[in-house]
Amino acid sequence: MQYPLGIILIASVLAGCMPWPHFHYLAPAVEGVVTNNGVPVPNTEINVSAQFSEEQQKGVTDSNGRFSTKPIREFMFFASLLGDPLYGYTVTITNAANQYEGFGEGHVGYAPEQLMVVCDLSKPIQLRGKKRYCAGPANE
């Protein structure tokens, strides 16, 4: 049985969603630099993970301590008309055998598409009772 497009659209709106193909960002693309007391730290792994996805993105610092990761996103055909989605993500830094919590963020709404950070492994930032090693718009 085939349904006319108008009936499908009306049913979607009544169900609280609307056809609107888009990407939903669960974690942003992250770019930045990792230093230790101002000295660039090469060959350091950056891991970005999203709370509502098993996908992870990794980056490695270059000789200048710079890195970048891709975003974690999912393609959605429908957009909800009844409230915003949730998102949450964390960034961790692994250097040799040491692991540092870069930062984490989570809210109702939409994750940013891109984030720029500066991480200094010698200067933790106290934020919400935790040590974080990256400064960016979320924790400045």
N, C-alpha and C. Protein backbone atom coordinates (compact mmCIF):
# COMPACT_ATOMS: atom_id res chain seq x y z
N MET A 1 0.83 -1.17 0.00
CA MET A 1 0.00 0.00 0.00
C MET A 1 0.88 1.25 0.00
N GLN A 2 0.64 2.16 -0.89
CA GLN A 2 1.43 3.38 -0.97
C GLN A 2 0.64 4.52 -0.33
N TYR A 3 1.38 5.38 0.41
CA TYR A 3 0.77 6.53 1.05
C TYR A 3 1.22 7.79 0.32
N PRO A 4 0.31 8.73 0.10
CA PRO A 4 0.69 10.00 -0.54
C PRO A 4 1.67 10.77 0.36
N LEU A 5 2.53 11.53 -0.27
CA LEU A 5 3.54 12.30 0.46
C LEU A 5 2.92 13.23 1.49
N GLY A 6 1.78 13.83 1.18
CA GLY A 6 1.11 14.73 2.12
C GLY A 6 0.73 14.04 3.42
N ILE A 7 0.25 12.82 3.33
CA ILE A 7 -0.13 12.07 4.53
C ILE A 7 1.10 11.74 5.36
N ILE A 8 2.20 11.39 4.71
CA ILE A 8 3.45 11.09 5.43
C ILE A 8 3.94 12.34 6.16
N LEU A 9 3.89 13.50 5.51
CA LEU A 9 4.34 14.74 6.15
C LEU A 9 3.45 15.10 7.33
N ILE A 10 2.15 15.00 7.17
CA ILE A 10 1.23 15.32 8.27
C ILE A 10 1.45 14.36 9.44
N ALA A 11 1.62 13.09 9.17
CA ALA A 11 1.87 12.10 10.23
C ALA A 11 3.18 12.39 10.95
N SER A 12 4.20 12.82 10.21
CA SER A 12 5.49 13.14 10.82
C SER A 12 5.37 14.33 11.76
N VAL A 13 4.67 15.37 11.32
CA VAL A 13 4.51 16.57 12.15
C VAL A 13 3.70 16.23 13.40
N LEU A 14 2.65 15.44 13.25
CA LEU A 14 1.85 15.04 14.41
C LEU A 14 2.66 14.19 15.38
N ALA A 15 3.64 13.45 14.89
CA ALA A 15 4.50 12.62 15.74
C ALA A 15 5.61 13.44 16.38
N GLY A 16 5.70 14.73 16.05
CA GLY A 16 6.71 15.58 16.67
C GLY A 16 8.02 15.64 15.92
N CYS A 17 8.02 15.30 14.66
CA CYS A 17 9.24 15.41 13.88
C CYS A 17 8.92 15.90 12.48
N MET A 18 9.96 16.36 11.81
CA MET A 18 9.76 16.93 10.49
C MET A 18 10.91 16.50 9.59
N PRO A 19 10.62 16.17 8.34
CA PRO A 19 11.72 15.83 7.43
C PRO A 19 12.67 17.02 7.29
N TRP A 20 13.93 16.80 7.63
CA TRP A 20 14.94 17.85 7.53
C TRP A 20 16.30 17.16 7.60
N PRO A 21 16.78 16.66 6.47
CA PRO A 21 18.07 15.94 6.48
C PRO A 21 19.19 16.86 6.99
N HIS A 22 19.96 16.36 7.95
CA HIS A 22 21.05 17.15 8.53
C HIS A 22 21.98 16.23 9.31
N PHE A 23 23.15 16.78 9.68
CA PHE A 23 24.07 16.07 10.57
C PHE A 23 23.84 16.55 11.99
N HIS A 24 23.75 15.62 12.91
CA HIS A 24 23.65 15.92 14.34
C HIS A 24 25.05 15.67 14.92
N TYR A 25 25.67 16.71 15.45
CA TYR A 25 27.02 16.60 15.99
C TYR A 25 26.95 16.13 17.44
N LEU A 26 27.61 15.00 17.72
CA LEU A 26 27.70 14.46 19.07
C LEU A 26 28.97 14.93 19.76
N ALA A 27 29.99 15.25 18.98
CA ALA A 27 31.24 15.81 19.49
C ALA A 27 31.86 16.63 18.35
N PRO A 28 32.47 17.75 18.69
CA PRO A 28 33.01 18.62 17.64
C PRO A 28 34.33 18.09 17.07
N ALA A 29 34.71 18.65 15.94
CA ALA A 29 36.09 18.50 15.47
C ALA A 29 36.91 19.35 16.45
N VAL A 30 38.02 18.82 16.91
CA VAL A 30 38.83 19.53 17.91
C VAL A 30 40.19 19.81 17.30
N GLU A 31 40.61 21.07 17.39
CA GLU A 31 41.95 21.48 16.96
C GLU A 31 42.62 22.17 18.13
N GLY A 32 43.94 22.03 18.21
CA GLY A 32 44.62 22.71 19.29
C GLY A 32 46.09 22.39 19.34
N VAL A 33 46.66 22.70 20.49
CA VAL A 33 48.08 22.48 20.73
C VAL A 33 48.25 21.92 22.14
N VAL A 34 49.20 21.00 22.29
CA VAL A 34 49.53 20.43 23.60
C VAL A 34 50.96 20.85 23.95
N THR A 35 51.10 21.45 25.13
CA THR A 35 52.42 21.87 25.62
C THR A 35 52.63 21.33 27.02
N ASN A 36 53.86 21.41 27.48
CA ASN A 36 54.20 21.10 28.86
C ASN A 36 55.06 22.26 29.33
N ASN A 37 54.46 23.12 30.14
CA ASN A 37 55.12 24.34 30.61
C ASN A 37 55.57 25.21 29.43
N GLY A 38 54.73 25.28 28.41
CA GLY A 38 54.99 26.12 27.25
C GLY A 38 55.79 25.48 26.14
N VAL A 39 56.32 24.27 26.36
CA VAL A 39 57.12 23.57 25.35
C VAL A 39 56.20 22.58 24.61
N PRO A 40 56.17 22.63 23.27
CA PRO A 40 55.31 21.71 22.52
C PRO A 40 55.62 20.24 22.84
N VAL A 41 54.58 19.42 22.91
CA VAL A 41 54.73 18.00 23.21
C VAL A 41 54.34 17.20 21.97
N PRO A 42 55.33 16.67 21.23
CA PRO A 42 55.02 15.87 20.03
C PRO A 42 54.60 14.45 20.39
N ASN A 43 54.01 13.76 19.41
CA ASN A 43 53.64 12.34 19.53
C ASN A 43 52.73 12.04 20.72
N THR A 44 51.81 12.94 20.99
CA THR A 44 50.84 12.75 22.06
C THR A 44 49.49 12.45 21.42
N GLU A 45 48.80 11.44 21.94
CA GLU A 45 47.52 11.04 21.36
C GLU A 45 46.37 11.79 22.02
N ILE A 46 45.47 12.30 21.18
CA ILE A 46 44.26 12.96 21.62
C ILE A 46 43.09 12.07 21.24
N ASN A 47 42.22 11.77 22.18
CA ASN A 47 41.07 10.91 21.92
C ASN A 47 39.79 11.67 22.26
N VAL A 48 38.87 11.73 21.31
CA VAL A 48 37.57 12.36 21.52
C VAL A 48 36.52 11.26 21.47
N SER A 49 35.70 11.19 22.52
CA SER A 49 34.62 10.21 22.55
C SER A 49 33.31 10.92 22.87
N ALA A 50 32.23 10.39 22.31
CA ALA A 50 30.90 10.95 22.52
C ALA A 50 30.09 10.05 23.43
N GLN A 51 29.29 10.65 24.27
CA GLN A 51 28.51 9.90 25.25
C GLN A 51 27.47 9.00 24.59
N PHE A 52 26.88 9.42 23.50
CA PHE A 52 25.79 8.67 22.88
C PHE A 52 26.22 7.96 21.60
N SER A 53 27.50 7.62 21.51
CA SER A 53 28.02 6.93 20.34
C SER A 53 29.21 6.08 20.76
N GLU A 54 29.42 4.99 20.06
CA GLU A 54 30.59 4.17 20.31
C GLU A 54 31.79 4.64 19.49
N GLU A 55 31.52 5.54 18.55
CA GLU A 55 32.59 6.06 17.69
C GLU A 55 33.54 6.93 18.49
N GLN A 56 34.82 6.88 18.13
CA GLN A 56 35.84 7.74 18.73
C GLN A 56 36.67 8.33 17.60
N GLN A 57 37.23 9.50 17.87
CA GLN A 57 38.14 10.13 16.92
C GLN A 57 39.48 10.33 17.62
N LYS A 58 40.55 10.07 16.88
CA LYS A 58 41.90 10.21 17.46
C LYS A 58 42.73 11.15 16.61
N GLY A 59 43.64 11.83 17.27
CA GLY A 59 44.62 12.67 16.62
C GLY A 59 45.94 12.52 17.34
N VAL A 60 47.03 12.86 16.67
CA VAL A 60 48.37 12.79 17.27
C VAL A 60 49.04 14.13 17.03
N THR A 61 49.71 14.65 18.07
CA THR A 61 50.37 15.94 17.94
C THR A 61 51.60 15.82 17.03
N ASP A 62 51.84 16.88 16.28
CA ASP A 62 53.02 16.94 15.42
C ASP A 62 54.21 17.50 16.22
N SER A 63 55.29 17.83 15.55
CA SER A 63 56.50 18.33 16.24
C SER A 63 56.27 19.66 16.92
N ASN A 64 55.23 20.40 16.53
CA ASN A 64 54.90 21.68 17.17
C ASN A 64 53.81 21.53 18.23
N GLY A 65 53.41 20.30 18.53
CA GLY A 65 52.38 20.05 19.52
C GLY A 65 50.97 20.24 19.00
N ARG A 66 50.81 20.49 17.72
CA ARG A 66 49.48 20.75 17.13
C ARG A 66 48.80 19.43 16.75
N PHE A 67 47.47 19.45 16.86
CA PHE A 67 46.67 18.27 16.51
C PHE A 67 45.31 18.71 15.98
N SER A 68 44.63 17.76 15.35
CA SER A 68 43.24 17.97 14.96
C SER A 68 42.55 16.62 14.90
N THR A 69 41.26 16.62 15.20
CA THR A 69 40.44 15.42 15.09
C THR A 69 39.20 15.76 14.27
N LYS A 70 38.57 14.74 13.75
CA LYS A 70 37.32 14.92 13.02
C LYS A 70 36.17 14.93 14.02
N PRO A 71 35.01 15.44 13.61
CA PRO A 71 33.86 15.43 14.52
C PRO A 71 33.24 14.03 14.59
N ILE A 72 32.45 13.82 15.62
CA ILE A 72 31.62 12.63 15.71
C ILE A 72 30.21 13.12 15.43
N ARG A 73 29.63 12.60 14.36
CA ARG A 73 28.31 13.07 13.95
C ARG A 73 27.53 11.91 13.35
N GLU A 74 26.21 12.11 13.28
CA GLU A 74 25.35 11.12 12.66
C GLU A 74 24.38 11.83 11.73
N PHE A 75 24.06 11.17 10.64
CA PHE A 75 23.12 11.75 9.69
C PHE A 75 21.71 11.45 10.18
N MET A 76 20.88 12.48 10.21
CA MET A 76 19.50 12.33 10.64
C MET A 76 18.60 12.84 9.52
N PHE A 77 17.60 12.05 9.19
CA PHE A 77 16.66 12.48 8.15
C PHE A 77 15.55 13.35 8.73
N PHE A 78 15.16 13.07 9.99
CA PHE A 78 14.10 13.84 10.63
C PHE A 78 14.67 14.70 11.74
N ALA A 79 14.07 15.85 11.96
CA ALA A 79 14.41 16.73 13.08
C ALA A 79 13.23 16.74 14.05
N SER A 80 13.53 16.70 15.33
CA SER A 80 12.49 16.72 16.34
C SER A 80 11.93 18.13 16.49
N LEU A 81 10.63 18.22 16.61
CA LEU A 81 9.98 19.50 16.87
C LEU A 81 9.69 19.68 18.35
N LEU A 82 9.95 18.64 19.14
CA LEU A 82 9.60 18.64 20.56
C LEU A 82 10.85 18.59 21.44
N GLY A 83 11.59 19.65 21.48
CA GLY A 83 12.75 19.72 22.36
C GLY A 83 14.06 19.43 21.65
N ASP A 84 15.12 19.81 22.31
CA ASP A 84 16.46 19.63 21.76
C ASP A 84 17.05 18.29 22.21
N PRO A 85 17.98 17.75 21.41
CA PRO A 85 18.65 16.50 21.80
C PRO A 85 19.68 16.74 22.90
N LEU A 86 20.22 15.68 23.42
CA LEU A 86 21.31 15.74 24.40
C LEU A 86 22.62 15.46 23.70
N TYR A 87 23.71 15.99 24.24
CA TYR A 87 25.03 15.62 23.76
C TYR A 87 26.00 15.63 24.94
N GLY A 88 27.07 14.90 24.79
CA GLY A 88 28.13 14.87 25.77
C GLY A 88 29.37 14.28 25.13
N TYR A 89 30.52 14.86 25.43
CA TYR A 89 31.77 14.35 24.88
C TYR A 89 32.91 14.63 25.83
N THR A 90 33.98 13.85 25.70
CA THR A 90 35.19 14.05 26.49
C THR A 90 36.41 14.00 25.57
N VAL A 91 37.43 14.71 25.99
CA VAL A 91 38.72 14.73 25.29
C VAL A 91 39.77 14.28 26.29
N THR A 92 40.49 13.22 25.95
CA THR A 92 41.58 12.76 26.81
C THR A 92 42.90 12.84 26.05
N ILE A 93 43.96 13.02 26.81
CA ILE A 93 45.31 13.17 26.26
C ILE A 93 46.17 12.06 26.84
N THR A 94 46.86 11.33 25.97
CA THR A 94 47.75 10.27 26.43
C THR A 94 49.16 10.56 25.93
N ASN A 95 50.08 10.69 26.89
CA ASN A 95 51.48 10.96 26.58
C ASN A 95 52.31 9.94 27.33
N ALA A 96 53.04 9.11 26.59
CA ALA A 96 53.81 8.00 27.18
C ALA A 96 52.82 7.14 27.96
N ALA A 97 53.04 6.96 29.25
CA ALA A 97 52.14 6.13 30.05
C ALA A 97 51.14 6.98 30.84
N ASN A 98 51.14 8.27 30.66
CA ASN A 98 50.27 9.17 31.42
C ASN A 98 49.03 9.54 30.63
N GLN A 99 47.89 9.54 31.34
CA GLN A 99 46.65 9.97 30.71
C GLN A 99 46.10 11.18 31.47
N TYR A 100 45.66 12.18 30.71
CA TYR A 100 45.15 13.43 31.26
C TYR A 100 43.74 13.67 30.74
N GLU A 101 42.87 14.19 31.60
CA GLU A 101 41.56 14.57 31.13
C GLU A 101 41.66 15.99 30.58
N GLY A 102 41.47 16.10 29.28
CA GLY A 102 41.54 17.41 28.63
C GLY A 102 40.36 18.25 29.05
N PHE A 103 39.19 17.80 28.71
CA PHE A 103 37.95 18.44 29.14
C PHE A 103 36.77 17.59 28.73
N GLY A 104 35.62 17.95 29.22
CA GLY A 104 34.38 17.29 28.86
C GLY A 104 33.26 18.30 28.86
N GLU A 105 32.26 18.01 28.08
CA GLU A 105 31.14 18.94 27.94
C GLU A 105 29.89 18.13 27.66
N GLY A 106 28.77 18.58 28.16
CA GLY A 106 27.51 17.93 27.88
C GLY A 106 26.36 18.82 28.26
N HIS A 107 25.37 18.88 27.42
CA HIS A 107 24.21 19.74 27.65
C HIS A 107 23.02 19.25 26.85
N VAL A 108 21.94 19.96 27.01
CA VAL A 108 20.79 19.82 26.12
C VAL A 108 21.04 20.78 24.96
N GLY A 109 20.87 20.31 23.77
CA GLY A 109 21.08 21.16 22.60
C GLY A 109 21.98 20.47 21.60
N TYR A 110 22.84 21.23 21.01
CA TYR A 110 23.67 20.73 19.93
C TYR A 110 25.14 20.99 20.23
N ALA A 111 25.98 19.99 20.02
CA ALA A 111 27.42 20.17 20.18
C ALA A 111 27.91 21.10 19.08
N PRO A 112 28.94 21.90 19.37
CA PRO A 112 29.49 22.74 18.30
C PRO A 112 30.12 21.87 17.22
N GLU A 113 30.25 22.43 16.03
CA GLU A 113 30.87 21.68 14.93
C GLU A 113 32.38 21.64 15.07
N GLN A 114 32.97 22.68 15.66
CA GLN A 114 34.42 22.76 15.79
C GLN A 114 34.78 23.46 17.09
N LEU A 115 35.92 23.07 17.66
CA LEU A 115 36.38 23.63 18.92
C LEU A 115 37.90 23.80 18.87
N MET A 116 38.38 24.94 19.31
CA MET A 116 39.82 25.22 19.38
C MET A 116 40.22 25.23 20.86
N VAL A 117 41.31 24.51 21.20
CA VAL A 117 41.75 24.42 22.60
C VAL A 117 43.26 24.57 22.70
N VAL A 118 43.71 24.92 23.90
CA VAL A 118 45.13 24.93 24.25
C VAL A 118 45.26 24.08 25.50
N CYS A 119 46.14 23.07 25.45
CA CYS A 119 46.31 22.14 26.56
C CYS A 119 47.73 22.24 27.08
N ASP A 120 47.88 22.49 28.38
CA ASP A 120 49.19 22.54 29.01
C ASP A 120 49.23 21.48 30.10
N LEU A 121 50.04 20.44 29.90
CA LEU A 121 50.09 19.31 30.82
C LEU A 121 50.70 19.66 32.17
N SER A 122 51.33 20.82 32.29
CA SER A 122 51.93 21.22 33.56
C SER A 122 51.01 22.12 34.39
N LYS A 123 49.89 22.55 33.81
CA LYS A 123 49.02 23.50 34.51
C LYS A 123 47.55 23.07 34.45
N PRO A 124 47.15 22.18 35.37
CA PRO A 124 45.74 21.77 35.36
C PRO A 124 44.82 22.92 35.77
N ILE A 125 43.62 22.88 35.24
CA ILE A 125 42.59 23.85 35.57
C ILE A 125 41.56 23.13 36.44
N GLN A 126 41.23 23.70 37.60
CA GLN A 126 40.19 23.12 38.44
C GLN A 126 38.84 23.56 37.89
N LEU A 127 38.04 22.61 37.46
CA LEU A 127 36.74 22.92 36.89
C LEU A 127 35.72 21.90 37.38
N ARG A 128 34.73 22.37 38.11
CA ARG A 128 33.69 21.50 38.66
C ARG A 128 34.29 20.35 39.48
N GLY A 129 35.32 20.65 40.25
CA GLY A 129 35.93 19.66 41.12
C GLY A 129 36.86 18.68 40.44
N LYS A 130 37.16 18.88 39.15
CA LYS A 130 38.06 17.98 38.44
C LYS A 130 39.22 18.76 37.85
N LYS A 131 40.35 18.06 37.71
CA LYS A 131 41.49 18.66 37.02
C LYS A 131 41.30 18.47 35.52
N ARG A 132 41.37 19.56 34.79
CA ARG A 132 41.29 19.53 33.33
C ARG A 132 42.55 20.20 32.80
N TYR A 133 43.00 19.75 31.65
CA TYR A 133 44.26 20.25 31.12
C TYR A 133 44.12 21.07 29.85
N CYS A 134 42.91 21.29 29.38
CA CYS A 134 42.70 22.08 28.17
C CYS A 134 41.81 23.28 28.47
N ALA A 135 42.19 24.40 27.89
CA ALA A 135 41.37 25.63 28.00
C ALA A 135 40.76 25.88 26.64
N GLY A 136 39.50 26.20 26.65
CA GLY A 136 38.77 26.53 25.43
C GLY A 136 37.49 27.24 25.82
N PRO A 137 36.64 27.50 24.88
CA PRO A 137 35.40 28.24 25.17
C PRO A 137 34.53 27.59 26.24
N ALA A 138 34.55 26.25 26.36
CA ALA A 138 33.68 25.58 27.31
C ALA A 138 34.10 25.82 28.75
N ASN A 139 35.39 26.09 29.03
CA ASN A 139 35.81 26.21 30.42
C ASN A 139 36.65 27.45 30.70
N GLU A 140 36.51 28.46 29.89
CA GLU A 140 37.25 29.69 30.17
C GLU A 140 36.47 30.58 31.10
